[in-house]
Amino acid sequence: MLSHSPHLQNVIERKYRILLASPEMCFQSPEFSKLLRDPEWVESFMYVVIDECHCVTQWGKMFRTMYSNVDRLHSFVAPNIPFLTTSATLPPVSFTEICQLLEISTCQGNLASCTQ
């Protein structure tokens, strides 16, 4: 049995209603990656949210290379679990590209602009 940090143990035991994880955590942490591949653990997911999705195209090839692999998350979860993408800085021109790269077939865009 692996020794887990208290936080990871809480994740394993589903003590959190919302879980935020970076692509690096999903793909480079052996313990967390194993959890993502456990069908019983991921069955309780309501959504997979890719925050800062502009990083997939803008940073994925150079700075945050794990963002270029987030489409692989589809293989970890059941097909009925929707993927949502969020970004405060996603240029509209990149929206379609993000949907294609993340293999989101029913992309619906809700673009909002906030000014002070």
N, C-alpha and C. Protein backbone atom coordinates (compact mmCIF):
# COMPACT_ATOMS: atom_id res chain seq x y z
N MET A 1 0.84 -1.19 0.00
CA MET A 1 0.00 0.00 0.00
C MET A 1 0.88 1.25 0.00
N LEU A 2 0.59 2.16 -0.88
CA LEU A 2 1.36 3.40 -0.97
C LEU A 2 0.97 4.34 0.16
N SER A 3 1.93 5.09 0.61
CA SER A 3 1.66 6.11 1.62
C SER A 3 1.23 7.38 0.90
N HIS A 4 0.03 7.86 1.21
CA HIS A 4 -0.51 9.04 0.55
C HIS A 4 -0.45 10.24 1.47
N SER A 5 -0.37 11.42 0.88
CA SER A 5 -0.50 12.64 1.66
C SER A 5 -1.95 12.71 2.15
N PRO A 6 -2.19 13.47 3.21
CA PRO A 6 -3.58 13.61 3.69
C PRO A 6 -4.53 14.15 2.62
N HIS A 7 -4.05 15.07 1.80
CA HIS A 7 -4.90 15.63 0.74
C HIS A 7 -5.24 14.57 -0.30
N LEU A 8 -4.26 13.80 -0.73
CA LEU A 8 -4.52 12.76 -1.71
C LEU A 8 -5.45 11.70 -1.12
N GLN A 9 -5.29 11.39 0.12
CA GLN A 9 -6.18 10.41 0.76
C GLN A 9 -7.61 10.93 0.76
N ASN A 10 -7.80 12.21 1.01
CA ASN A 10 -9.14 12.81 0.95
C ASN A 10 -9.71 12.74 -0.46
N VAL A 11 -8.86 12.92 -1.47
CA VAL A 11 -9.29 12.79 -2.86
C VAL A 11 -9.73 11.36 -3.14
N ILE A 12 -8.92 10.41 -2.72
CA ILE A 12 -9.24 9.00 -2.93
C ILE A 12 -10.58 8.65 -2.30
N GLU A 13 -10.84 9.20 -1.13
CA GLU A 13 -12.07 8.90 -0.40
C GLU A 13 -13.25 9.78 -0.83
N ARG A 14 -13.07 10.57 -1.87
CA ARG A 14 -14.12 11.43 -2.44
C ARG A 14 -14.71 12.38 -1.42
N LYS A 15 -13.86 12.98 -0.62
CA LYS A 15 -14.32 13.91 0.40
C LYS A 15 -14.54 15.32 -0.15
N TYR A 16 -14.14 15.54 -1.39
CA TYR A 16 -14.31 16.85 -2.01
C TYR A 16 -15.40 16.77 -3.06
N ARG A 17 -16.18 17.83 -3.15
CA ARG A 17 -17.21 17.88 -4.19
C ARG A 17 -16.65 18.43 -5.50
N ILE A 18 -15.60 19.23 -5.39
CA ILE A 18 -14.95 19.80 -6.58
C ILE A 18 -13.46 19.51 -6.45
N LEU A 19 -12.89 19.05 -7.52
CA LEU A 19 -11.47 18.72 -7.54
C LEU A 19 -10.82 19.44 -8.71
N LEU A 20 -9.83 20.25 -8.42
CA LEU A 20 -9.08 20.95 -9.45
C LEU A 20 -7.70 20.31 -9.56
N ALA A 21 -7.34 19.92 -10.75
CA ALA A 21 -6.03 19.30 -10.95
C ALA A 21 -5.44 19.83 -12.25
N SER A 22 -4.17 20.06 -12.22
CA SER A 22 -3.47 20.53 -13.41
C SER A 22 -3.23 19.35 -14.36
N PRO A 23 -2.99 19.64 -15.63
CA PRO A 23 -2.62 18.56 -16.54
C PRO A 23 -1.37 17.82 -16.05
N GLU A 24 -0.44 18.56 -15.46
CA GLU A 24 0.77 17.91 -14.94
C GLU A 24 0.41 16.89 -13.87
N MET A 25 -0.52 17.23 -12.99
CA MET A 25 -0.95 16.30 -11.94
C MET A 25 -1.61 15.08 -12.56
N CYS A 26 -2.44 15.29 -13.55
CA CYS A 26 -3.16 14.18 -14.18
C CYS A 26 -2.22 13.18 -14.87
N PHE A 27 -1.19 13.70 -15.49
CA PHE A 27 -0.34 12.83 -16.30
C PHE A 27 0.98 12.45 -15.66
N GLN A 28 1.48 13.23 -14.72
CA GLN A 28 2.81 12.97 -14.19
C GLN A 28 2.82 12.42 -12.77
N SER A 29 1.70 12.48 -12.07
CA SER A 29 1.63 11.91 -10.73
C SER A 29 1.14 10.46 -10.86
N PRO A 30 1.99 9.49 -10.58
CA PRO A 30 1.55 8.09 -10.74
C PRO A 30 0.31 7.75 -9.92
N GLU A 31 0.24 8.26 -8.70
CA GLU A 31 -0.90 7.94 -7.83
C GLU A 31 -2.19 8.56 -8.36
N PHE A 32 -2.12 9.83 -8.74
CA PHE A 32 -3.32 10.51 -9.24
C PHE A 32 -3.73 9.96 -10.60
N SER A 33 -2.77 9.70 -11.45
CA SER A 33 -3.05 9.13 -12.76
C SER A 33 -3.74 7.77 -12.62
N LYS A 34 -3.31 6.99 -11.66
CA LYS A 34 -3.94 5.69 -11.40
C LYS A 34 -5.40 5.88 -10.99
N LEU A 35 -5.65 6.87 -10.14
CA LEU A 35 -7.03 7.17 -9.74
C LEU A 35 -7.89 7.51 -10.95
N LEU A 36 -7.37 8.33 -11.85
CA LEU A 36 -8.14 8.73 -13.03
C LEU A 36 -8.48 7.55 -13.92
N ARG A 37 -7.70 6.50 -13.84
CA ARG A 37 -7.94 5.33 -14.66
C ARG A 37 -8.85 4.30 -13.97
N ASP A 38 -9.29 4.61 -12.76
CA ASP A 38 -10.16 3.71 -12.00
C ASP A 38 -11.62 4.03 -12.33
N PRO A 39 -12.30 3.16 -13.07
CA PRO A 39 -13.67 3.45 -13.50
C PRO A 39 -14.63 3.72 -12.33
N GLU A 40 -14.45 3.03 -11.23
CA GLU A 40 -15.33 3.25 -10.09
C GLU A 40 -15.12 4.63 -9.47
N TRP A 41 -13.88 5.10 -9.50
CA TRP A 41 -13.60 6.41 -8.91
C TRP A 41 -14.12 7.55 -9.78
N VAL A 42 -13.98 7.42 -11.10
CA VAL A 42 -14.40 8.51 -11.98
C VAL A 42 -15.89 8.47 -12.32
N GLU A 43 -16.60 7.41 -11.94
CA GLU A 43 -18.02 7.33 -12.28
C GLU A 43 -18.84 8.43 -11.61
N SER A 44 -18.32 8.99 -10.54
CA SER A 44 -19.06 10.04 -9.85
C SER A 44 -18.80 11.44 -10.42
N PHE A 45 -17.94 11.54 -11.43
CA PHE A 45 -17.67 12.83 -12.04
C PHE A 45 -18.93 13.36 -12.72
N MET A 46 -19.17 14.65 -12.57
CA MET A 46 -20.26 15.29 -13.30
C MET A 46 -19.73 15.93 -14.58
N TYR A 47 -18.53 16.50 -14.49
CA TYR A 47 -17.89 17.17 -15.62
C TYR A 47 -16.38 17.02 -15.49
N VAL A 48 -15.72 17.16 -16.61
CA VAL A 48 -14.29 17.39 -16.62
C VAL A 48 -14.15 18.81 -17.15
N VAL A 49 -13.55 19.67 -16.36
CA VAL A 49 -13.41 21.07 -16.73
C VAL A 49 -11.95 21.35 -17.05
N ILE A 50 -11.71 21.87 -18.22
CA ILE A 50 -10.38 22.29 -18.62
C ILE A 50 -10.34 23.81 -18.44
N ASP A 51 -9.78 24.24 -17.32
CA ASP A 51 -9.67 25.67 -17.06
C ASP A 51 -8.44 26.20 -17.78
N GLU A 52 -8.48 27.47 -18.09
CA GLU A 52 -7.38 28.10 -18.84
C GLU A 52 -7.13 27.36 -20.16
N CYS A 53 -8.23 27.02 -20.84
CA CYS A 53 -8.10 26.21 -22.06
C CYS A 53 -7.32 26.90 -23.16
N HIS A 54 -7.15 28.21 -23.07
CA HIS A 54 -6.32 28.89 -24.08
C HIS A 54 -4.89 28.35 -24.05
N CYS A 55 -4.50 27.75 -22.92
CA CYS A 55 -3.15 27.19 -22.81
C CYS A 55 -2.94 26.01 -23.75
N VAL A 56 -4.03 25.34 -24.14
CA VAL A 56 -3.91 24.19 -25.03
C VAL A 56 -3.25 24.60 -26.33
N THR A 57 -3.67 25.73 -26.88
CA THR A 57 -3.10 26.16 -28.16
C THR A 57 -1.98 27.18 -27.99
N GLN A 58 -2.09 28.02 -26.98
CA GLN A 58 -1.11 29.10 -26.84
C GLN A 58 0.15 28.67 -26.11
N TRP A 59 0.05 27.75 -25.16
CA TRP A 59 1.22 27.36 -24.37
C TRP A 59 1.58 25.89 -24.52
N GLY A 60 0.68 25.10 -25.07
CA GLY A 60 0.85 23.65 -25.08
C GLY A 60 2.09 23.12 -25.76
N LYS A 61 2.64 23.85 -26.67
CA LYS A 61 3.81 23.34 -27.39
C LYS A 61 5.13 23.79 -26.77
N MET A 62 5.09 24.81 -25.90
CA MET A 62 6.35 25.34 -25.38
C MET A 62 6.39 25.38 -23.86
N PHE A 63 5.53 26.16 -23.25
CA PHE A 63 5.66 26.46 -21.83
C PHE A 63 5.00 25.40 -20.95
N ARG A 64 3.74 25.12 -21.15
CA ARG A 64 3.02 24.12 -20.36
C ARG A 64 2.69 22.95 -21.29
N THR A 65 3.68 22.13 -21.56
CA THR A 65 3.54 21.08 -22.57
C THR A 65 2.46 20.05 -22.24
N MET A 66 2.14 19.84 -20.99
CA MET A 66 1.10 18.87 -20.63
C MET A 66 -0.28 19.31 -21.12
N TYR A 67 -0.47 20.61 -21.34
CA TYR A 67 -1.74 21.08 -21.88
C TYR A 67 -2.00 20.50 -23.27
N SER A 68 -0.96 20.19 -24.01
CA SER A 68 -1.16 19.63 -25.34
C SER A 68 -1.62 18.17 -25.28
N ASN A 69 -1.67 17.59 -24.08
CA ASN A 69 -2.11 16.20 -23.92
C ASN A 69 -3.50 16.07 -23.28
N VAL A 70 -4.17 17.17 -22.99
CA VAL A 70 -5.42 17.07 -22.24
C VAL A 70 -6.50 16.30 -22.99
N ASP A 71 -6.40 16.19 -24.29
CA ASP A 71 -7.38 15.38 -25.02
C ASP A 71 -7.34 13.92 -24.58
N ARG A 72 -6.22 13.47 -24.03
CA ARG A 72 -6.11 12.09 -23.54
C ARG A 72 -7.00 11.83 -22.33
N LEU A 73 -7.48 12.88 -21.67
CA LEU A 73 -8.36 12.69 -20.53
C LEU A 73 -9.66 11.99 -20.92
N HIS A 74 -10.04 12.08 -22.19
CA HIS A 74 -11.24 11.38 -22.66
C HIS A 74 -11.13 9.89 -22.42
N SER A 75 -9.95 9.34 -22.53
CA SER A 75 -9.79 7.89 -22.36
C SER A 75 -9.90 7.47 -20.90
N PHE A 76 -9.88 8.44 -19.97
CA PHE A 76 -9.94 8.13 -18.54
C PHE A 76 -11.36 8.09 -18.00
N VAL A 77 -12.27 8.77 -18.64
CA VAL A 77 -13.62 8.91 -18.09
C VAL A 77 -14.66 8.35 -19.04
N ALA A 78 -15.83 8.06 -18.50
CA ALA A 78 -16.93 7.51 -19.31
C ALA A 78 -17.34 8.51 -20.38
N PRO A 79 -17.79 8.00 -21.53
CA PRO A 79 -18.14 8.90 -22.63
C PRO A 79 -19.32 9.82 -22.33
N ASN A 80 -20.14 9.50 -21.34
CA ASN A 80 -21.29 10.35 -21.03
C ASN A 80 -20.93 11.54 -20.15
N ILE A 81 -19.69 11.65 -19.71
CA ILE A 81 -19.28 12.77 -18.86
C ILE A 81 -18.81 13.91 -19.76
N PRO A 82 -19.51 15.05 -19.70
CA PRO A 82 -19.15 16.16 -20.60
C PRO A 82 -17.86 16.86 -20.20
N PHE A 83 -17.21 17.39 -21.20
CA PHE A 83 -16.03 18.22 -21.00
C PHE A 83 -16.43 19.67 -21.17
N LEU A 84 -16.03 20.50 -20.23
CA LEU A 84 -16.27 21.93 -20.30
C LEU A 84 -14.92 22.62 -20.36
N THR A 85 -14.86 23.69 -21.11
CA THR A 85 -13.63 24.46 -21.18
C THR A 85 -13.91 25.88 -20.72
N THR A 86 -12.97 26.43 -19.97
CA THR A 86 -13.12 27.81 -19.50
C THR A 86 -11.83 28.57 -19.74
N SER A 87 -11.99 29.84 -19.97
CA SER A 87 -10.84 30.72 -20.14
C SER A 87 -11.32 32.16 -20.09
N ALA A 88 -10.59 32.97 -19.40
CA ALA A 88 -10.91 34.40 -19.39
C ALA A 88 -10.26 35.11 -20.57
N THR A 89 -9.33 34.44 -21.23
CA THR A 89 -8.58 35.11 -22.29
C THR A 89 -8.57 34.33 -23.61
N LEU A 90 -9.54 33.48 -23.84
CA LEU A 90 -9.59 32.71 -25.07
C LEU A 90 -10.04 33.58 -26.23
N PRO A 91 -9.17 33.79 -27.20
CA PRO A 91 -9.59 34.56 -28.37
C PRO A 91 -10.64 33.77 -29.15
N PRO A 92 -11.70 34.44 -29.63
CA PRO A 92 -12.75 33.72 -30.36
C PRO A 92 -12.22 32.88 -31.52
N VAL A 93 -11.17 33.32 -32.16
CA VAL A 93 -10.63 32.57 -33.29
C VAL A 93 -10.08 31.22 -32.84
N SER A 94 -9.70 31.09 -31.59
CA SER A 94 -9.13 29.83 -31.08
C SER A 94 -10.20 28.84 -30.61
N PHE A 95 -11.44 29.30 -30.49
CA PHE A 95 -12.50 28.47 -29.93
C PHE A 95 -12.68 27.15 -30.70
N THR A 96 -12.81 27.23 -32.01
CA THR A 96 -13.01 26.03 -32.83
C THR A 96 -11.81 25.10 -32.75
N GLU A 97 -10.62 25.67 -32.76
CA GLU A 97 -9.41 24.86 -32.65
C GLU A 97 -9.37 24.09 -31.33
N ILE A 98 -9.76 24.74 -30.24
CA ILE A 98 -9.79 24.10 -28.93
C ILE A 98 -10.76 22.91 -28.97
N CYS A 99 -11.96 23.13 -29.54
CA CYS A 99 -12.95 22.05 -29.62
C CYS A 99 -12.42 20.87 -30.39
N GLN A 100 -11.72 21.13 -31.47
CA GLN A 100 -11.15 20.04 -32.27
C GLN A 100 -10.05 19.32 -31.51
N LEU A 101 -9.14 20.06 -30.91
CA LEU A 101 -8.02 19.44 -30.18
C LEU A 101 -8.49 18.63 -28.98
N LEU A 102 -9.53 19.10 -28.31
CA LEU A 102 -10.03 18.39 -27.13
C LEU A 102 -11.10 17.37 -27.47
N GLU A 103 -11.37 17.21 -28.78
CA GLU A 103 -12.34 16.24 -29.27
C GLU A 103 -13.71 16.45 -28.64
N ILE A 104 -14.11 17.70 -28.59
CA ILE A 104 -15.43 18.06 -28.09
C ILE A 104 -16.31 18.26 -29.31
N SER A 105 -17.23 17.33 -29.53
CA SER A 105 -17.99 17.35 -30.78
C SER A 105 -19.17 18.31 -30.74
N THR A 106 -19.68 18.60 -29.58
CA THR A 106 -20.84 19.50 -29.50
C THR A 106 -20.43 20.80 -28.83
N CYS A 107 -19.54 21.50 -29.45
CA CYS A 107 -19.04 22.75 -28.88
C CYS A 107 -20.11 23.82 -28.97
N GLN A 108 -20.38 24.42 -27.85
CA GLN A 108 -21.30 25.54 -27.79
C GLN A 108 -20.56 26.67 -27.10
N GLY A 109 -20.46 27.78 -27.75
CA GLY A 109 -19.71 28.88 -27.17
C GLY A 109 -20.58 29.91 -26.49
N ASN A 110 -20.19 30.24 -25.31
CA ASN A 110 -20.81 31.35 -24.60
C ASN A 110 -19.68 32.31 -24.27
N LEU A 111 -19.50 33.27 -25.13
CA LEU A 111 -18.43 34.23 -24.93
C LEU A 111 -19.01 35.46 -24.28
N ALA A 112 -18.38 35.88 -23.21
CA ALA A 112 -18.85 37.06 -22.50
C ALA A 112 -17.69 38.03 -22.34
N SER A 113 -18.01 39.27 -22.36
CA SER A 113 -17.01 40.30 -22.17
C SER A 113 -17.37 41.12 -20.94
N CYS A 114 -16.39 41.34 -20.09
CA CYS A 114 -16.62 42.13 -18.89
C CYS A 114 -15.74 43.38 -18.93
N THR A 115 -16.35 44.49 -18.65
CA THR A 115 -15.59 45.73 -18.58
C THR A 115 -15.92 46.42 -17.27
N GLN A 116 -15.01 47.22 -16.78
CA GLN A 116 -15.25 47.96 -15.54
C GLN A 116 -15.64 49.37 -15.84
